C-alpha atoms as a PDB file:
ATOM      1  CA  MET A   1      31.444 -15.384  24.145  1.00  0.00           C
ATOM      2  CA  VAL A   2      31.674 -12.200  25.798  1.00  0.00           C
ATOM      3  CA  SER A   3      27.920 -12.273  26.776  1.00  0.00           C
ATOM      4  CA  LEU A   4      29.081 -15.785  28.865  1.00  0.00           C
ATOM      5  CA  ARG A   5      32.078 -13.722  30.628  1.00  0.00           C
ATOM      6  CA  SER A   6      29.905 -11.397  31.726  1.00  0.00           C
ATOM      7  CA  ARG A   7      27.748 -13.831  33.548  1.00  0.00           C
ATOM      8  CA  GLY A   8      30.690 -15.226  35.470  1.00  0.00           C
ATOM      9  CA  ILE A   9      31.575 -18.180  33.148  1.00  0.00           C
ATOM     10  CA  GLU A  10      35.072 -18.563  31.856  1.00  0.00           C
ATOM     11  CA  CYS A  11      35.635 -18.629  28.481  1.00  0.00           C
ATOM     12  CA  ASP A  12      37.829 -17.209  25.678  1.00  0.00           C
ATOM     13  CA  VAL A  13      35.973 -14.083  24.754  1.00  0.00           C
ATOM     14  CA  VAL A  14      37.913 -13.928  21.136  1.00  0.00           C
ATOM     15  CA  CYS A  15      35.859 -14.815  17.940  1.00  0.00           C
ATOM     16  CA  PRO A  16      36.745 -19.011  17.752  1.00  0.00           C
ATOM     17  CA  ARG A  17      36.196 -18.668  13.847  1.00  0.00           C
ATOM     18  CA  CYS A  18      38.061 -15.047  12.680  1.00  0.00           C
ATOM     19  CA  GLN A  19      40.125 -15.091  15.860  1.00  0.00           C
ATOM     20  CA  ALA A  20      40.404 -11.039  15.338  1.00  0.00           C
ATOM     21  CA  VAL A  21      37.941  -9.213  17.663  1.00  0.00           C
ATOM     22  CA  LEU A  22      36.064 -10.212  20.809  1.00  0.00           C
ATOM     23  CA  GLU A  23      32.910 -12.472  19.873  1.00  0.00           C
ATOM     24  CA  SER A  24      30.077 -10.156  20.674  1.00  0.00           C
ATOM     25  CA  PRO A  25      26.383 -10.928  19.527  1.00  0.00           C
ATOM     26  CA  SER A  26      26.596  -8.609  16.926  1.00  0.00           C
ATOM     27  CA  HIS A  27      29.557  -9.927  15.738  1.00  0.00           C
ATOM     28  CA  ALA A  28      28.861 -13.268  15.969  1.00  0.00           C
ATOM     29  CA  ILE A  29      25.382 -12.825  13.840  1.00  0.00           C
ATOM     30  CA  PHE A  30      26.553 -10.390  11.435  1.00  0.00           C
ATOM     31  CA  ASP A  31      29.945  -8.709  11.731  1.00  0.00           C
ATOM     32  CA  CYS A  32      32.274 -11.969  11.414  1.00  0.00           C
ATOM     33  CA  PRO A  33      33.801 -12.437   7.942  1.00  0.00           C
ATOM     34  CA  LEU A  34      32.168 -16.078   7.746  1.00  0.00           C
ATOM     35  CA  SER A  35      29.111 -14.676   8.960  1.00  0.00           C
ATOM     36  CA  TYR A  36      29.210 -11.720   6.266  1.00  0.00           C
ATOM     37  CA  MET A  37      29.850 -14.441   3.650  1.00  0.00           C
ATOM     38  CA  VAL A  38      26.563 -16.538   4.960  1.00  0.00           C
ATOM     39  CA  TRP A  39      24.462 -13.338   4.553  1.00  0.00           C
ATOM     40  CA  LYS A  40      26.065 -12.702   1.562  1.00  0.00           C
ATOM     41  CA  LYS A  41      24.562 -15.761  -0.264  1.00  0.00           C
ATOM     42  CA  SER A  42      21.247 -15.364   1.218  1.00  0.00           C
ATOM     43  CA  ARG A  43      18.295 -13.514  -0.245  1.00  0.00           C
ATOM     44  CA  PHE A  44      18.284 -10.778   2.534  1.00  0.00           C
ATOM     45  CA  TRP A  45      21.686  -9.164   1.283  1.00  0.00           C
ATOM     46  CA  LYS A  46      20.372  -6.843  -0.858  1.00  0.00           C
ATOM     47  CA  VAL A  47      18.568  -5.257   2.217  1.00  0.00           C
ATOM     48  CA  LEU A  48      21.707  -5.382   4.433  1.00  0.00           C
ATOM     49  CA  GLU A  49      24.623  -4.341   2.113  1.00  0.00           C
ATOM     50  CA  ASN A  50      23.726  -0.651   2.858  1.00  0.00           C
ATOM     51  CA  LYS A  51      24.343   1.235   6.018  1.00  0.00           C
ATOM     52  CA  ARG A  52      21.954   0.066   8.231  1.00  0.00           C
ATOM     53  CA  ALA A  53      20.121   2.678   9.875  1.00  0.00           C
ATOM     54  CA  MET A  54      19.274   0.199  12.777  1.00  0.00           C
ATOM     55  CA  PRO A  55      21.486  -2.470  13.687  1.00  0.00           C
ATOM     56  CA  PHE A  56      20.709  -5.545  12.435  1.00  0.00           C
ATOM     57  CA  ALA A  57      21.377  -6.612  16.340  1.00  0.00           C
ATOM     58  CA  ASP A  58      18.723  -4.033  17.108  1.00  0.00           C
ATOM     59  CA  PHE A  59      16.493  -5.947  14.645  1.00  0.00           C
ATOM     60  CA  LEU A  60      16.756  -9.235  16.534  1.00  0.00           C
ATOM     61  CA  ARG A  61      16.321  -7.631  20.211  1.00  0.00           C
ATOM     62  CA  ARG A  62      13.076  -6.302  18.968  1.00  0.00           C
ATOM     63  CA  ILE A  63      11.883  -9.743  18.105  1.00  0.00           C
ATOM     64  CA  ARG A  64      12.828 -11.134  21.394  1.00  0.00           C
ATOM     65  CA  LEU A  65      11.433  -8.070  23.286  1.00  0.00           C
ATOM     66  CA  PHE A  66       8.110  -8.361  22.141  1.00  0.00           C
ATOM     67  CA  THR A  67       8.147 -12.476  22.390  1.00  0.00           C
ATOM     68  CA  GLY A  68       8.743 -11.855  25.946  1.00  0.00           C
ATOM     69  CA  GLY A  69      12.448 -13.343  25.348  1.00  0.00           C
ATOM     70  CA  GLU A  70      10.575 -16.831  25.846  1.00  0.00           C
ATOM     71  CA  ALA A  71       9.725 -19.981  23.289  1.00  0.00           C
ATOM     72  CA  GLY A  72       6.272 -19.226  22.284  1.00  0.00           C
ATOM     73  CA  ASP A  73       3.755 -20.221  19.503  1.00  0.00           C
ATOM     74  CA  PRO A  74       5.689 -21.092  16.582  1.00  0.00           C
ATOM     75  CA  GLN A  75       3.339 -19.260  13.970  1.00  0.00           C
ATOM     76  CA  THR A  76       3.236 -16.160  16.367  1.00  0.00           C
ATOM     77  CA  ILE A  77       6.888 -15.666  16.758  1.00  0.00           C
ATOM     78  CA  PHE A  78       7.135 -15.702  12.599  1.00  0.00           C
ATOM     79  CA  ASP A  79       4.500 -13.465  12.467  1.00  0.00           C
ATOM     80  CA  LEU A  80       6.415 -10.926  14.829  1.00  0.00           C
ATOM     81  CA  SER A  81       9.380 -11.668  13.227  1.00  0.00           C
ATOM     82  CA  ILE A  82       7.938 -10.797   9.694  1.00  0.00           C
ATOM     83  CA  ALA A  83       6.951  -7.391  11.332  1.00  0.00           C
ATOM     84  CA  SER A  84      10.105  -6.656  13.023  1.00  0.00           C
ATOM     85  CA  PHE A  85      11.727  -7.055   9.737  1.00  0.00           C
ATOM     86  CA  GLY A  86       9.739  -5.167   7.873  1.00  0.00           C
ATOM     87  CA  GLU A  87      10.184  -2.333  10.336  1.00  0.00           C
ATOM     88  CA  TRP A  88      13.886  -2.879  10.131  1.00  0.00           C
ATOM     89  CA  GLN A  89      13.732  -2.506   6.159  1.00  0.00           C
ATOM     90  CA  ALA A  90      11.564   0.487   6.455  1.00  0.00           C
ATOM     91  CA  LEU A  91      13.987   2.680   8.785  1.00  0.00           C
ATOM     92  CA  ASN A  92      17.149   1.585   6.210  1.00  0.00           C
ATOM     93  CA  ARG A  93      14.791   2.607   2.842  1.00  0.00           C
ATOM     94  CA  SER A  94      16.411   5.619   1.633  1.00  0.00           C
ATOM     95  CA  PRO A  95      14.785   9.138   1.273  1.00  0.00           C
ATOM     96  CA  SER A  96      14.365   8.629  -2.345  1.00  0.00           C
ATOM     97  CA  GLN A  97      12.431   5.530  -1.775  1.00  0.00           C
ATOM     98  CA  PRO A  98       8.949   6.531  -0.468  1.00  0.00           C
ATOM     99  CA  SER A  99       6.498   4.358   1.370  1.00  0.00           C
ATOM    100  CA  ALA A 100       3.840   2.836  -1.034  1.00  0.00           C
ATOM    101  CA  VAL A 101       0.577   0.798  -0.649  1.00  0.00           C
ATOM    102  CA  GLY A 102       3.237  -2.367  -1.501  1.00  0.00           C
ATOM    103  CA  SER A 103       5.696  -1.571   1.945  1.00  0.00           C
ATOM    104  CA  ASN A 104       6.099  -4.448   4.167  1.00  0.00           C
ATOM    105  CA  VAL A 105       4.772  -2.328   7.306  1.00  0.00           C
ATOM    106  CA  TRP A 106       1.506  -1.128   8.273  1.00  0.00           C
ATOM    107  CA  SER A 107       1.243   2.786   7.078  1.00  0.00           C
ATOM    108  CA  PRO A 108      -1.512   5.232   8.853  1.00  0.00           C
ATOM    109  CA  PRO A 109      -4.620   6.499   6.551  1.00  0.00           C
ATOM    110  CA  GLN A 110      -4.693  10.108   5.223  1.00  0.00           C
ATOM    111  CA  PRO A 111      -5.211  12.613   7.694  1.00  0.00           C
ATOM    112  CA  GLY A 112      -9.069  12.522   8.678  1.00  0.00           C
ATOM    113  CA  TYR A 113      -9.520   9.127   7.338  1.00  0.00           C
ATOM    114  CA  PHE A 114      -9.618   5.781   9.193  1.00  0.00           C
ATOM    115  CA  LYS A 115      -8.229   2.177   8.327  1.00  0.00           C
ATOM    116  CA  LEU A 116      -9.845  -0.920   7.911  1.00  0.00           C
ATOM    117  CA  ASN A 117      -7.749  -4.097   7.723  1.00  0.00           C
ATOM    118  CA  ILE A 118      -9.456  -7.427   7.097  1.00  0.00           C
ATOM    119  CA  ASP A 119      -8.426 -10.953   6.643  1.00  0.00           C
ATOM    120  CA  ALA A 120      -9.427 -14.397   6.982  1.00  0.00           C
ATOM    121  CA  SER A 121      -8.480 -17.925   8.302  1.00  0.00           C
ATOM    122  CA  VAL A 122      -9.013 -20.972   6.374  1.00  0.00           C
ATOM    123  CA  ILE A 123      -8.262 -24.292   7.445  1.00  0.00           C
ATOM    124  CA  PRO A 124      -9.076 -27.465   4.546  1.00  0.00           C
ATOM    125  CA  GLY A 125     -11.677 -29.808   5.944  1.00  0.00           C
ATOM    126  CA  SER A 126     -13.236 -27.370   8.655  1.00  0.00           C
ATOM    127  CA  ASP A 127     -17.126 -26.560   8.330  1.00  0.00           C
ATOM    128  CA  HIS A 128     -16.410 -23.023   9.298  1.00  0.00           C
ATOM    129  CA  ILE A 129     -13.979 -20.435   8.987  1.00  0.00           C
ATOM    130  CA  GLY A 130     -12.525 -17.274  10.865  1.00  0.00           C
ATOM    131  CA  ILE A 131     -12.867 -13.328   9.955  1.00  0.00           C
ATOM    132  CA  GLY A 132     -11.096 -10.859  11.598  1.00  0.00           C
ATOM    133  CA  ALA A 133     -11.046  -7.126  11.290  1.00  0.00           C
ATOM    134  CA  VAL A 134      -9.598  -3.951  12.894  1.00  0.00           C
ATOM    135  CA  ILE A 135     -10.232  -0.033  12.360  1.00  0.00           C
ATOM    136  CA  ARG A 136      -7.401   2.192  13.553  1.00  0.00           C
ATOM    137  CA  ASP A 137      -6.816   6.136  12.961  1.00  0.00           C
ATOM    138  CA  GLU A 138      -3.926   8.247  11.694  1.00  0.00           C
ATOM    139  CA  GLU A 139      -1.936   7.439  14.727  1.00  0.00           C
ATOM    140  CA  GLY A 140      -1.857   3.777  14.771  1.00  0.00           C
ATOM    141  CA  SER A 141      -4.613   3.685  18.034  1.00  0.00           C
ATOM    142  CA  ILE A 142      -7.365   1.268  17.318  1.00  0.00           C
ATOM    143  CA  LEU A 143     -11.064   2.262  17.471  1.00  0.00           C
ATOM    144  CA  GLY A 144     -12.248  -1.073  16.967  1.00  0.00           C
ATOM    145  CA  ALA A 145     -11.793  -4.776  16.267  1.00  0.00           C
ATOM    146  CA  MET A 146     -13.819  -7.677  15.631  1.00  0.00           C
ATOM    147  CA  ALA A 147     -12.946 -11.457  15.179  1.00  0.00           C
ATOM    148  CA  ARG A 148     -15.815 -14.286  14.620  1.00  0.00           C
ATOM    149  CA  SER A 149     -16.230 -17.496  13.137  1.00  0.00           C
ATOM    150  CA  VAL A 150     -18.979 -18.247  10.233  1.00  0.00           C
ATOM    151  CA  GLY A 151     -20.213 -21.498   9.335  1.00  0.00           C
ATOM    152  CA  GLY A 152     -19.531 -23.293   6.029  1.00  0.00           C
ATOM    153  CA  SER A 153     -16.684 -24.732   4.201  1.00  0.00           C
ATOM    154  CA  PHE A 154     -15.528 -21.917   1.822  1.00  0.00           C
ATOM    155  CA  SER A 155     -12.907 -21.123  -0.145  1.00  0.00           C
ATOM    156  CA  PRO A 156      -9.973 -18.874   1.039  1.00  0.00           C
ATOM    157  CA  PHE A 157     -11.588 -16.215  -1.471  1.00  0.00           C
ATOM    158  CA  VAL A 158     -14.855 -16.569  -0.574  1.00  0.00           C
ATOM    159  CA  ALA A 159     -13.617 -16.678   3.069  1.00  0.00           C
ATOM    160  CA  GLU A 160     -11.858 -13.177   2.672  1.00  0.00           C
ATOM    161  CA  CYS A 161     -15.267 -11.664   0.871  1.00  0.00           C
ATOM    162  CA  PHE A 162     -16.886 -12.548   3.950  1.00  0.00           C
ATOM    163  CA  ALA A 163     -14.286 -10.316   5.862  1.00  0.00           C
ATOM    164  CA  LEU A 164     -14.494  -7.668   3.794  1.00  0.00           C
ATOM    165  CA  ARG A 165     -18.193  -7.451   3.999  1.00  0.00           C
ATOM    166  CA  GLU A 166     -18.270  -8.013   7.866  1.00  0.00           C
ATOM    167  CA  GLY A 167     -15.512  -5.613   8.183  1.00  0.00           C
ATOM    168  CA  LEU A 168     -17.214  -2.918   6.498  1.00  0.00           C
ATOM    169  CA  ARG A 169     -20.524  -3.833   8.446  1.00  0.00           C
ATOM    170  CA  PHE A 170     -18.554  -3.399  11.747  1.00  0.00           C
ATOM    171  CA  ALA A 171     -16.777  -0.060  10.366  1.00  0.00           C
ATOM    172  CA  LYS A 172     -20.749   1.260   9.851  1.00  0.00           C
ATOM    173  CA  GLU A 173     -21.734  -0.177  13.153  1.00  0.00           C
ATOM    174  CA  ILE A 174     -19.113   1.848  14.951  1.00  0.00           C
ATOM    175  CA  LYS A 175     -20.117   4.728  12.998  1.00  0.00           C
ATOM    176  CA  CYS A 176     -16.341   4.991  11.336  1.00  0.00           C
ATOM    177  CA  ALA A 177     -16.965   6.944   7.960  1.00  0.00           C
ATOM    178  CA  ASP A 178     -14.460   8.009   5.588  1.00  0.00           C
ATOM    179  CA  ILE A 179     -12.110   5.083   5.837  1.00  0.00           C
ATOM    180  CA  GLU A 180      -9.634   3.218   3.532  1.00  0.00           C
ATOM    181  CA  VAL A 181      -9.706  -0.213   3.252  1.00  0.00           C
ATOM    182  CA  GLU A 182      -6.583  -2.845   2.533  1.00  0.00           C
ATOM    183  CA  THR A 183      -6.405  -6.755   2.347  1.00  0.00           C
ATOM    184  CA  ASP A 184      -3.699  -8.918   1.550  1.00  0.00           C
ATOM    185  CA  ALA A 185      -5.943 -10.941  -0.757  1.00  0.00           C
ATOM    186  CA  ILE A 186      -5.609  -9.316  -4.411  1.00  0.00           C
ATOM    187  CA  ASN A 187      -8.175 -11.643  -6.018  1.00  0.00           C
ATOM    188  CA  VAL A 188     -10.731  -9.803  -3.725  1.00  0.00           C
ATOM    189  CA  VAL A 189      -9.091  -6.183  -4.322  1.00  0.00           C
ATOM    190  CA  SER A 190      -9.737  -7.544  -8.157  1.00  0.00           C
ATOM    191  CA  ALA A 191     -13.122  -8.824  -7.897  1.00  0.00           C
ATOM    192  CA  VAL A 192     -14.631  -5.478  -5.916  1.00  0.00           C
ATOM    193  CA  GLU A 193     -12.858  -3.099  -8.253  1.00  0.00           C
ATOM    194  CA  ASP A 194     -13.907  -5.514 -11.775  1.00  0.00           C
ATOM    195  CA  ASN A 195     -17.267  -5.769 -10.260  1.00  0.00           C
ATOM    196  CA  ARG A 196     -17.147  -9.459 -11.112  1.00  0.00           C
ATOM    197  CA  GLU A 197     -20.248 -11.622 -11.581  1.00  0.00           C
ATOM    198  CA  LEU A 198     -19.468 -14.948 -10.188  1.00  0.00           C
ATOM    199  CA  SER A 199     -21.699 -17.298  -8.283  1.00  0.00           C
ATOM    200  CA  LEU A 200     -21.225 -17.548  -4.880  1.00  0.00           C
ATOM    201  CA  GLU A 201     -19.342 -14.492  -4.739  1.00  0.00           C
ATOM    202  CA  CYS A 202     -21.422 -12.503  -6.411  1.00  0.00           C
ATOM    203  CA  PRO A 203     -24.226 -11.800  -3.650  1.00  0.00           C
ATOM    204  CA  ILE A 204     -21.203 -10.977  -0.973  1.00  0.00           C
ATOM    205  CA  LEU A 205     -19.855  -8.588  -3.334  1.00  0.00           C
ATOM    206  CA  GLU A 206     -23.024  -6.646  -3.865  1.00  0.00           C
ATOM    207  CA  ASP A 207     -23.267  -6.071  -0.175  1.00  0.00           C
ATOM    208  CA  VAL A 208     -19.618  -4.918   0.178  1.00  0.00           C
ATOM    209  CA  LYS A 209     -20.537  -2.499  -2.736  1.00  0.00           C
ATOM    210  CA  GLN A 210     -23.384  -0.826  -1.132  1.00  0.00           C
ATOM    211  CA  LEU A 211     -21.308  -0.563   2.551  1.00  0.00           C
ATOM    212  CA  PHE A 212     -18.735   1.033   0.503  1.00  0.00           C
ATOM    213  CA  ALA A 213     -20.859   3.486  -0.631  1.00  0.00           C
ATOM    214  CA  GLN A 214     -22.047   3.986   3.519  1.00  0.00           C
ATOM    215  CA  VAL A 215     -19.089   4.336   4.823  1.00  0.00           C
ATOM    216  CA  ARG A 216     -17.920   6.465   2.504  1.00  0.00           C
ATOM    217  CA  SER A 217     -14.809   4.357   1.186  1.00  0.00           C
ATOM    218  CA  THR A 218     -12.520   5.925  -0.886  1.00  0.00           C
ATOM    219  CA  CYS A 219     -10.453   3.097  -2.100  1.00  0.00           C
ATOM    220  CA  ILE A 220      -9.391  -0.793  -1.250  1.00  0.00           C
ATOM    221  CA  HIS A 221      -5.524  -1.921  -1.987  1.00  0.00           C
ATOM    222  CA  HIS A 222      -3.357  -4.508  -1.781  1.00  0.00           C
ATOM    223  CA  ILE A 223      -0.807  -5.157   0.597  1.00  0.00           C
ATOM    224  CA  HIS A 224       2.009  -7.422   1.560  1.00  0.00           C
ATOM    225  CA  ARG A 225       1.066  -9.718   4.494  1.00  0.00           C
ATOM    226  CA  SER A 226       3.638  -8.193   6.786  1.00  0.00           C
ATOM    227  CA  ALA A 227       1.879  -5.143   6.670  1.00  0.00           C
ATOM    228  CA  ASN A 228      -1.863  -6.795   7.623  1.00  0.00           C
ATOM    229  CA  LEU A 229      -0.567  -8.736  10.543  1.00  0.00           C
ATOM    230  CA  VAL A 230      -3.018  -7.310  13.010  1.00  0.00           C
ATOM    231  CA  ALA A 231      -5.982  -8.259  11.115  1.00  0.00           C
ATOM    232  CA  HIS A 232      -4.131 -11.687  10.153  1.00  0.00           C
ATOM    233  CA  LEU A 233      -4.143 -12.514  13.999  1.00  0.00           C
ATOM    234  CA  LEU A 234      -7.458 -11.692  14.466  1.00  0.00           C
ATOM    235  CA  PRO A 235      -9.344 -14.724  12.454  1.00  0.00           C
ATOM    236  CA  ARG A 236      -7.378 -17.320  13.943  1.00  0.00           C
ATOM    237  CA  PHE A 237      -8.527 -16.031  17.242  1.00  0.00           C
ATOM    238  CA  GLY A 238     -11.971 -16.057  16.022  1.00  0.00           C
ATOM    239  CA  PHE A 239     -11.801 -19.207  14.463  1.00  0.00           C
ATOM    240  CA  ASN A 240     -11.257 -20.887  17.831  1.00  0.00           C
ATOM    241  CA  SER A 241     -14.146 -18.808  18.934  1.00  0.00           C
ATOM    242  CA  ASN A 242     -17.870 -19.855  19.637  1.00  0.00           C
ATOM    243  CA  CYS A 243     -18.679 -15.954  19.543  1.00  0.00           C
ATOM    244  CA  ILE A 244     -18.429 -12.852  18.358  1.00  0.00           C
ATOM    245  CA  ASN A 245     -15.666 -11.000  19.792  1.00  0.00           C
ATOM    246  CA  VAL A 246     -15.903  -7.015  19.423  1.00  0.00           C
ATOM    247  CA  TRP A 247     -13.621  -4.417  21.043  1.00  0.00           C
ATOM    248  CA  VAL A 248     -13.964  -0.777  20.894  1.00  0.00           C
ATOM    249  CA  ASN A 249     -11.809   1.765  21.807  1.00  0.00           C
ATOM    250  CA  GLU A 250      -9.110  -1.371  23.428  1.00  0.00           C
ATOM    251  CA  ILE A 251      -6.631  -3.521  22.103  1.00  0.00           C
ATOM    252  CA  PRO A 252      -7.050  -6.788  21.611  1.00  0.00           C
ATOM    253  CA  SER A 253      -4.604  -8.793  24.026  1.00  0.00           C
ATOM    254  CA  VAL A 254      -4.126 -11.174  21.029  1.00  0.00           C
ATOM    255  CA  VAL A 255      -2.725  -8.647  18.547  1.00  0.00           C
ATOM    256  CA  SER A 256      -1.393  -6.445  21.400  1.00  0.00           C
ATOM    257  CA  ASN A 257       2.353  -7.196  20.664  1.00  0.00           C
ATOM    258  CA  THR A 258       1.624  -6.556  16.907  1.00  0.00           C
ATOM    259  CA  VAL A 259      -0.056  -3.376  17.434  1.00  0.00           C
ATOM    260  CA  ALA A 260       2.828  -2.444  19.363  1.00  0.00           C
ATOM    261  CA  ILE A 261       5.537  -2.948  16.570  1.00  0.00           C
ATOM    262  CA  ASP A 262       3.352  -0.919  14.338  1.00  0.00           C
ATOM    263  CA  ILE A 263       3.133   2.227  15.949  1.00  0.00           C
ATOM    264  CA  ILE A 264       6.997   2.229  17.486  1.00  0.00           C
ATOM    265  CA  ASP A 265       8.206   5.258  16.249  1.00  0.00           C
END
């Protein structure tokens, strides 16, 4: 109501629910006793109950900032919201809880290394899949990104194997050695680490094994989807493209907002 009054709209500025204080956006969303009870019953309460390093209202403003303050593609808004919430969680993590591979936000590689994130997009019934890869340095800057479609009807697992192989090939092409690899497909990580002998996947994984040696990759890690959003958006772009899309030392416009979220201090 305070915001409406500031815009010249005559209205009562006292919170109509608790009748206690001026109704600011922060009060209405979080601090009002009734809102407080709703949050307390939600699955987010364990995150919200501690003292907040970033006010929750700032988290909501961050979402509005990176969506331009306008309605947009629902999936993109959802992805950005998850990324912002992951960042908010990270900022509110106590010093005794170090960031790990299982973090909800993208983390930079160790000094002197690059990080390759890969993902795939599969739509049931389609005759092709989308794959994407992005390579970043320890500052979060993009050295290269790739998005393309691959003909054929494949399971999500096989599609992720394709994405891993093509991501490693891309890293080799742009001469990025000493890389760490991340994917949100835990079954792919297990397949690589266990050297599984699978029918369709085996030739792809054999290629992956050779490429790992050629780019001097030290590891492959499973991460949460919210820590893999840039790579997650690229295959959706590639799925709808008829060509191989490559960006070197530039940020693809389709992921520019998400990259900004990842590297914000």
